[in-house]
N, C-alpha and C. Protein backbone atom coordinates (compact mmCIF):
# COMPACT_ATOMS: atom_id res chain seq x y z
N MET A 1 140.81 -40.29 115.62
CA MET A 1 141.72 -40.80 116.52
C MET A 1 141.36 -42.22 116.90
N PRO A 2 142.25 -43.23 116.65
CA PRO A 2 141.90 -44.54 117.04
C PRO A 2 141.95 -44.80 118.58
N PHE A 3 141.09 -45.64 119.07
CA PHE A 3 141.11 -45.87 120.44
C PHE A 3 141.74 -47.23 120.78
N ARG A 4 142.16 -47.43 121.93
CA ARG A 4 142.68 -48.79 122.39
C ARG A 4 141.51 -49.43 123.12
N ILE A 5 141.23 -50.74 122.77
CA ILE A 5 140.16 -51.45 123.41
C ILE A 5 140.79 -52.31 124.50
N ASP A 6 140.20 -52.25 125.67
CA ASP A 6 140.55 -53.11 126.79
C ASP A 6 139.33 -53.86 127.27
N PHE A 7 139.44 -54.86 127.95
CA PHE A 7 138.29 -55.71 128.40
C PHE A 7 138.30 -55.93 129.88
N ALA A 8 137.08 -55.80 130.49
CA ALA A 8 136.92 -56.23 131.83
C ALA A 8 137.03 -57.77 131.79
N LYS A 9 137.36 -58.46 132.87
CA LYS A 9 137.49 -59.89 132.88
C LYS A 9 136.26 -60.63 132.33
N SER A 10 135.01 -60.23 132.77
CA SER A 10 133.84 -60.86 132.33
C SER A 10 133.60 -60.71 130.74
N ALA A 11 133.92 -59.52 130.27
CA ALA A 11 133.87 -59.26 128.74
C ALA A 11 134.77 -60.12 128.04
N SER A 12 136.02 -60.27 128.52
CA SER A 12 137.02 -61.07 127.89
C SER A 12 136.60 -62.55 127.83
N GLU A 13 136.00 -63.04 128.92
CA GLU A 13 135.52 -64.43 128.95
C GLU A 13 134.35 -64.58 128.04
N GLN A 14 133.47 -63.58 127.91
CA GLN A 14 132.35 -63.70 126.97
C GLN A 14 132.90 -63.72 125.52
N LEU A 15 133.84 -62.93 125.20
CA LEU A 15 134.42 -62.99 123.83
C LEU A 15 135.01 -64.32 123.55
N LEU A 16 135.77 -64.89 124.50
CA LEU A 16 136.38 -66.15 124.31
C LEU A 16 135.30 -67.26 124.14
N GLY A 17 134.20 -67.12 124.79
CA GLY A 17 133.11 -68.03 124.73
C GLY A 17 132.53 -68.05 123.29
N PHE A 18 132.43 -66.91 122.69
CA PHE A 18 131.84 -66.84 121.28
C PHE A 18 132.88 -67.46 120.35
N GLN A 19 134.20 -67.20 120.60
CA GLN A 19 135.24 -67.76 119.70
C GLN A 19 135.08 -69.34 119.67
N ALA A 20 134.84 -69.92 120.80
CA ALA A 20 134.78 -71.38 120.86
C ALA A 20 133.43 -71.86 120.43
N GLY A 21 132.35 -71.23 120.88
CA GLY A 21 131.05 -71.82 120.70
C GLY A 21 130.18 -71.16 119.62
N ASN A 22 130.44 -70.04 119.14
CA ASN A 22 129.62 -69.44 118.07
C ASN A 22 130.45 -68.51 117.17
N PRO A 23 131.09 -69.19 116.18
CA PRO A 23 131.95 -68.40 115.32
C PRO A 23 131.26 -67.25 114.55
N LYS A 24 129.95 -67.38 114.18
CA LYS A 24 129.20 -66.27 113.57
C LYS A 24 129.13 -65.08 114.37
N LYS A 25 128.71 -65.32 115.65
CA LYS A 25 128.49 -64.25 116.64
C LYS A 25 129.89 -63.61 116.92
N HIS A 26 130.96 -64.43 117.02
CA HIS A 26 132.30 -63.97 117.31
C HIS A 26 132.72 -62.94 116.22
N LYS A 27 132.43 -63.30 114.96
CA LYS A 27 132.76 -62.43 113.86
C LYS A 27 132.08 -61.07 113.95
N LYS A 28 130.82 -61.11 114.27
CA LYS A 28 129.99 -59.87 114.45
C LYS A 28 130.52 -59.06 115.56
N VAL A 29 130.91 -59.66 116.71
CA VAL A 29 131.40 -58.91 117.81
C VAL A 29 132.76 -58.27 117.44
N LEU A 30 133.55 -58.95 116.72
CA LEU A 30 134.81 -58.44 116.31
C LEU A 30 134.65 -57.21 115.41
N LYS A 31 133.67 -57.36 114.50
CA LYS A 31 133.39 -56.15 113.63
C LYS A 31 132.91 -54.95 114.44
N CYS A 32 132.08 -55.20 115.43
CA CYS A 32 131.64 -54.15 116.29
C CYS A 32 132.76 -53.53 117.09
N LEU A 33 133.63 -54.35 117.62
CA LEU A 33 134.85 -53.89 118.34
C LEU A 33 135.76 -53.06 117.49
N GLY A 34 135.88 -53.52 116.20
CA GLY A 34 136.73 -52.76 115.28
C GLY A 34 136.24 -51.38 114.98
N LEU A 35 134.89 -51.29 114.81
CA LEU A 35 134.27 -49.99 114.64
C LEU A 35 134.40 -49.13 115.89
N LEU A 36 134.27 -49.74 117.03
CA LEU A 36 134.49 -48.94 118.31
C LEU A 36 135.90 -48.40 118.41
N GLU A 37 136.78 -49.17 117.99
CA GLU A 37 138.28 -48.80 118.08
C GLU A 37 138.58 -47.71 117.10
N SER A 38 138.03 -47.76 115.95
CA SER A 38 138.32 -46.73 114.94
C SER A 38 137.32 -45.56 114.92
N ALA A 39 136.08 -45.81 115.19
CA ALA A 39 135.13 -44.72 115.11
C ALA A 39 133.93 -45.02 116.04
N PRO A 40 134.07 -44.66 117.35
CA PRO A 40 133.01 -45.08 118.32
C PRO A 40 131.66 -44.35 117.99
N ARG A 41 131.69 -43.35 117.18
CA ARG A 41 130.34 -42.69 116.90
C ARG A 41 129.85 -43.16 115.53
N HIS A 42 130.41 -44.22 114.96
CA HIS A 42 129.93 -44.79 113.69
C HIS A 42 128.44 -44.99 113.73
N PRO A 43 127.70 -44.53 112.71
CA PRO A 43 126.24 -44.67 112.78
C PRO A 43 125.78 -46.18 112.83
N GLY A 44 126.57 -47.12 112.34
CA GLY A 44 126.13 -48.49 112.37
C GLY A 44 126.15 -49.09 113.73
N LEU A 45 126.86 -48.52 114.62
CA LEU A 45 126.93 -49.04 116.05
C LEU A 45 125.68 -48.56 116.85
N ASN A 46 125.02 -47.50 116.37
CA ASN A 46 123.89 -47.01 117.14
C ASN A 46 124.26 -46.79 118.60
N SER A 47 125.46 -46.31 118.86
CA SER A 47 125.98 -46.17 120.34
C SER A 47 125.05 -45.07 121.03
N HIS A 48 124.79 -45.36 122.21
CA HIS A 48 124.10 -44.46 123.07
C HIS A 48 124.30 -44.78 124.48
N ARG A 49 124.10 -43.82 125.38
CA ARG A 49 124.16 -44.05 126.83
C ARG A 49 123.18 -45.08 127.28
N TYR A 50 123.71 -45.92 128.21
CA TYR A 50 122.75 -46.85 128.84
C TYR A 50 122.90 -46.69 130.32
N ARG A 51 122.07 -45.75 130.77
CA ARG A 51 122.16 -45.28 132.23
C ARG A 51 121.88 -46.37 133.30
N ASP A 52 121.23 -47.40 132.89
CA ASP A 52 120.90 -48.51 133.84
C ASP A 52 122.12 -49.17 134.49
N TYR A 53 123.22 -49.10 133.67
CA TYR A 53 124.48 -49.74 134.14
C TYR A 53 125.50 -48.78 134.79
N ASP A 54 125.10 -47.51 134.80
CA ASP A 54 126.10 -46.49 135.30
C ASP A 54 126.50 -46.79 136.71
N GLU A 55 125.46 -47.02 137.51
CA GLU A 55 125.80 -47.31 138.97
C GLU A 55 126.46 -48.63 139.15
N THR A 56 126.16 -49.64 138.41
CA THR A 56 126.81 -50.92 138.47
C THR A 56 128.29 -50.82 138.24
N TYR A 57 128.73 -50.10 137.27
CA TYR A 57 130.05 -49.97 136.86
C TYR A 57 130.80 -48.75 137.40
N GLY A 58 130.00 -47.81 137.83
CA GLY A 58 130.65 -46.54 138.44
C GLY A 58 131.18 -45.67 137.30
N GLU A 59 130.67 -45.88 136.09
CA GLU A 59 131.12 -45.06 134.86
C GLU A 59 129.91 -44.71 134.05
N LYS A 60 130.03 -43.90 133.13
CA LYS A 60 129.03 -43.56 132.11
C LYS A 60 129.09 -44.71 131.07
N ILE A 61 128.16 -45.57 131.02
CA ILE A 61 128.20 -46.76 130.21
C ILE A 61 127.47 -46.49 128.87
N TRP A 62 128.06 -47.00 127.82
CA TRP A 62 127.55 -46.81 126.51
C TRP A 62 127.23 -48.19 125.92
N GLU A 63 126.15 -48.23 125.17
CA GLU A 63 125.70 -49.49 124.49
C GLU A 63 125.91 -49.32 123.02
N SER A 64 126.48 -50.32 122.39
CA SER A 64 126.77 -50.38 120.93
C SER A 64 126.17 -51.62 120.38
N TYR A 65 125.53 -51.61 119.22
CA TYR A 65 124.91 -52.75 118.70
C TYR A 65 125.87 -53.65 117.94
N VAL A 66 125.78 -54.94 118.34
CA VAL A 66 126.45 -56.00 117.51
C VAL A 66 125.51 -56.41 116.45
N GLU A 67 124.26 -56.57 116.81
CA GLU A 67 123.17 -57.01 115.93
C GLU A 67 122.01 -56.05 116.11
N ASN A 68 121.06 -56.01 115.11
CA ASN A 68 119.92 -55.22 115.13
C ASN A 68 118.81 -55.96 114.58
N ARG A 69 117.66 -55.71 115.15
CA ARG A 69 116.37 -56.41 114.62
C ARG A 69 116.48 -57.93 114.47
N THR A 70 117.05 -58.45 115.54
CA THR A 70 117.31 -59.87 115.62
C THR A 70 116.78 -60.29 117.01
N PRO A 71 116.02 -61.37 117.09
CA PRO A 71 115.68 -61.78 118.51
C PRO A 71 116.87 -62.12 119.23
N GLY A 72 117.00 -61.69 120.49
CA GLY A 72 118.17 -61.87 121.35
C GLY A 72 119.43 -61.17 120.83
N ALA A 73 119.22 -59.97 120.21
CA ALA A 73 120.34 -59.25 119.61
C ALA A 73 121.39 -58.88 120.66
N TYR A 74 122.60 -59.07 120.28
CA TYR A 74 123.74 -58.78 121.18
C TYR A 74 124.24 -57.32 121.18
N ARG A 75 124.73 -56.95 122.33
CA ARG A 75 125.21 -55.56 122.47
C ARG A 75 126.60 -55.59 123.18
N VAL A 76 127.36 -54.61 122.92
CA VAL A 76 128.63 -54.34 123.60
C VAL A 76 128.42 -53.23 124.60
N PHE A 77 128.68 -53.41 125.80
CA PHE A 77 128.59 -52.25 126.85
C PHE A 77 130.00 -51.86 127.28
N CYS A 78 130.26 -50.54 127.17
CA CYS A 78 131.64 -50.09 127.42
C CYS A 78 131.60 -48.74 128.03
N HIS A 79 132.78 -48.26 128.47
CA HIS A 79 132.94 -46.94 128.92
C HIS A 79 134.31 -46.38 128.40
N TYR A 80 134.40 -45.05 128.34
CA TYR A 80 135.66 -44.42 127.97
C TYR A 80 136.63 -44.44 129.15
N GLY A 81 137.88 -44.76 128.95
CA GLY A 81 138.92 -44.66 130.00
C GLY A 81 139.22 -46.01 130.51
N PRO A 82 140.03 -46.12 131.53
CA PRO A 82 140.48 -45.09 132.46
C PRO A 82 141.49 -44.07 131.83
N ASP A 83 142.15 -44.40 130.91
CA ASP A 83 143.18 -43.48 130.25
C ASP A 83 142.61 -42.80 129.00
N ASN A 84 143.16 -41.72 128.60
CA ASN A 84 142.77 -41.04 127.39
C ASN A 84 143.03 -42.04 126.21
N GLY A 85 142.12 -42.04 125.24
CA GLY A 85 142.29 -42.86 124.10
C GLY A 85 141.97 -44.29 124.31
N GLN A 86 141.27 -44.63 125.44
CA GLN A 86 141.07 -46.11 125.77
C GLN A 86 139.57 -46.20 125.96
N ILE A 87 139.04 -47.36 125.56
CA ILE A 87 137.63 -47.78 125.80
C ILE A 87 137.74 -49.07 126.44
N THR A 88 136.97 -49.25 127.56
CA THR A 88 136.95 -50.47 128.29
C THR A 88 135.60 -51.17 128.09
N VAL A 89 135.58 -52.35 127.54
CA VAL A 89 134.38 -53.12 127.29
C VAL A 89 134.06 -53.91 128.65
N VAL A 90 132.91 -53.70 129.17
CA VAL A 90 132.52 -54.34 130.44
C VAL A 90 131.65 -55.55 130.20
N ALA A 91 130.93 -55.54 129.15
CA ALA A 91 130.05 -56.72 128.87
C ALA A 91 129.75 -56.82 127.39
N ILE A 92 129.53 -58.10 126.98
CA ILE A 92 129.12 -58.45 125.62
C ILE A 92 127.95 -59.45 125.84
N THR A 93 126.78 -58.92 125.69
CA THR A 93 125.60 -59.75 126.08
C THR A 93 124.41 -59.44 125.31
N GLU A 94 123.35 -60.24 125.47
CA GLU A 94 122.12 -59.98 124.83
C GLU A 94 121.49 -58.67 125.37
N HIS A 95 120.71 -58.00 124.55
CA HIS A 95 120.08 -56.77 125.01
C HIS A 95 119.25 -57.05 126.26
N PRO A 96 119.52 -56.32 127.31
CA PRO A 96 118.77 -56.57 128.57
C PRO A 96 117.26 -56.25 128.37
């Protein structure tokens, strides 16, 4: 079942920043978002709970890999909902 991807304001701004300033990173983020949309449990995403952000966002936050084994590797942080079939991206940032 495909999901609909929505963005928190900060995540949307981060994505636009990549589009303007780092086209290679932007392409990698788009690939990650495409996999999240079609198959959030895809093994290449290495998606797993990231409990450190649960309280910050008031949801169960998941971390998915944009890059791996790269200094300053980027991650997409998201949660399911608020509606069925929806994933909300809350941050696109370097691994904390």
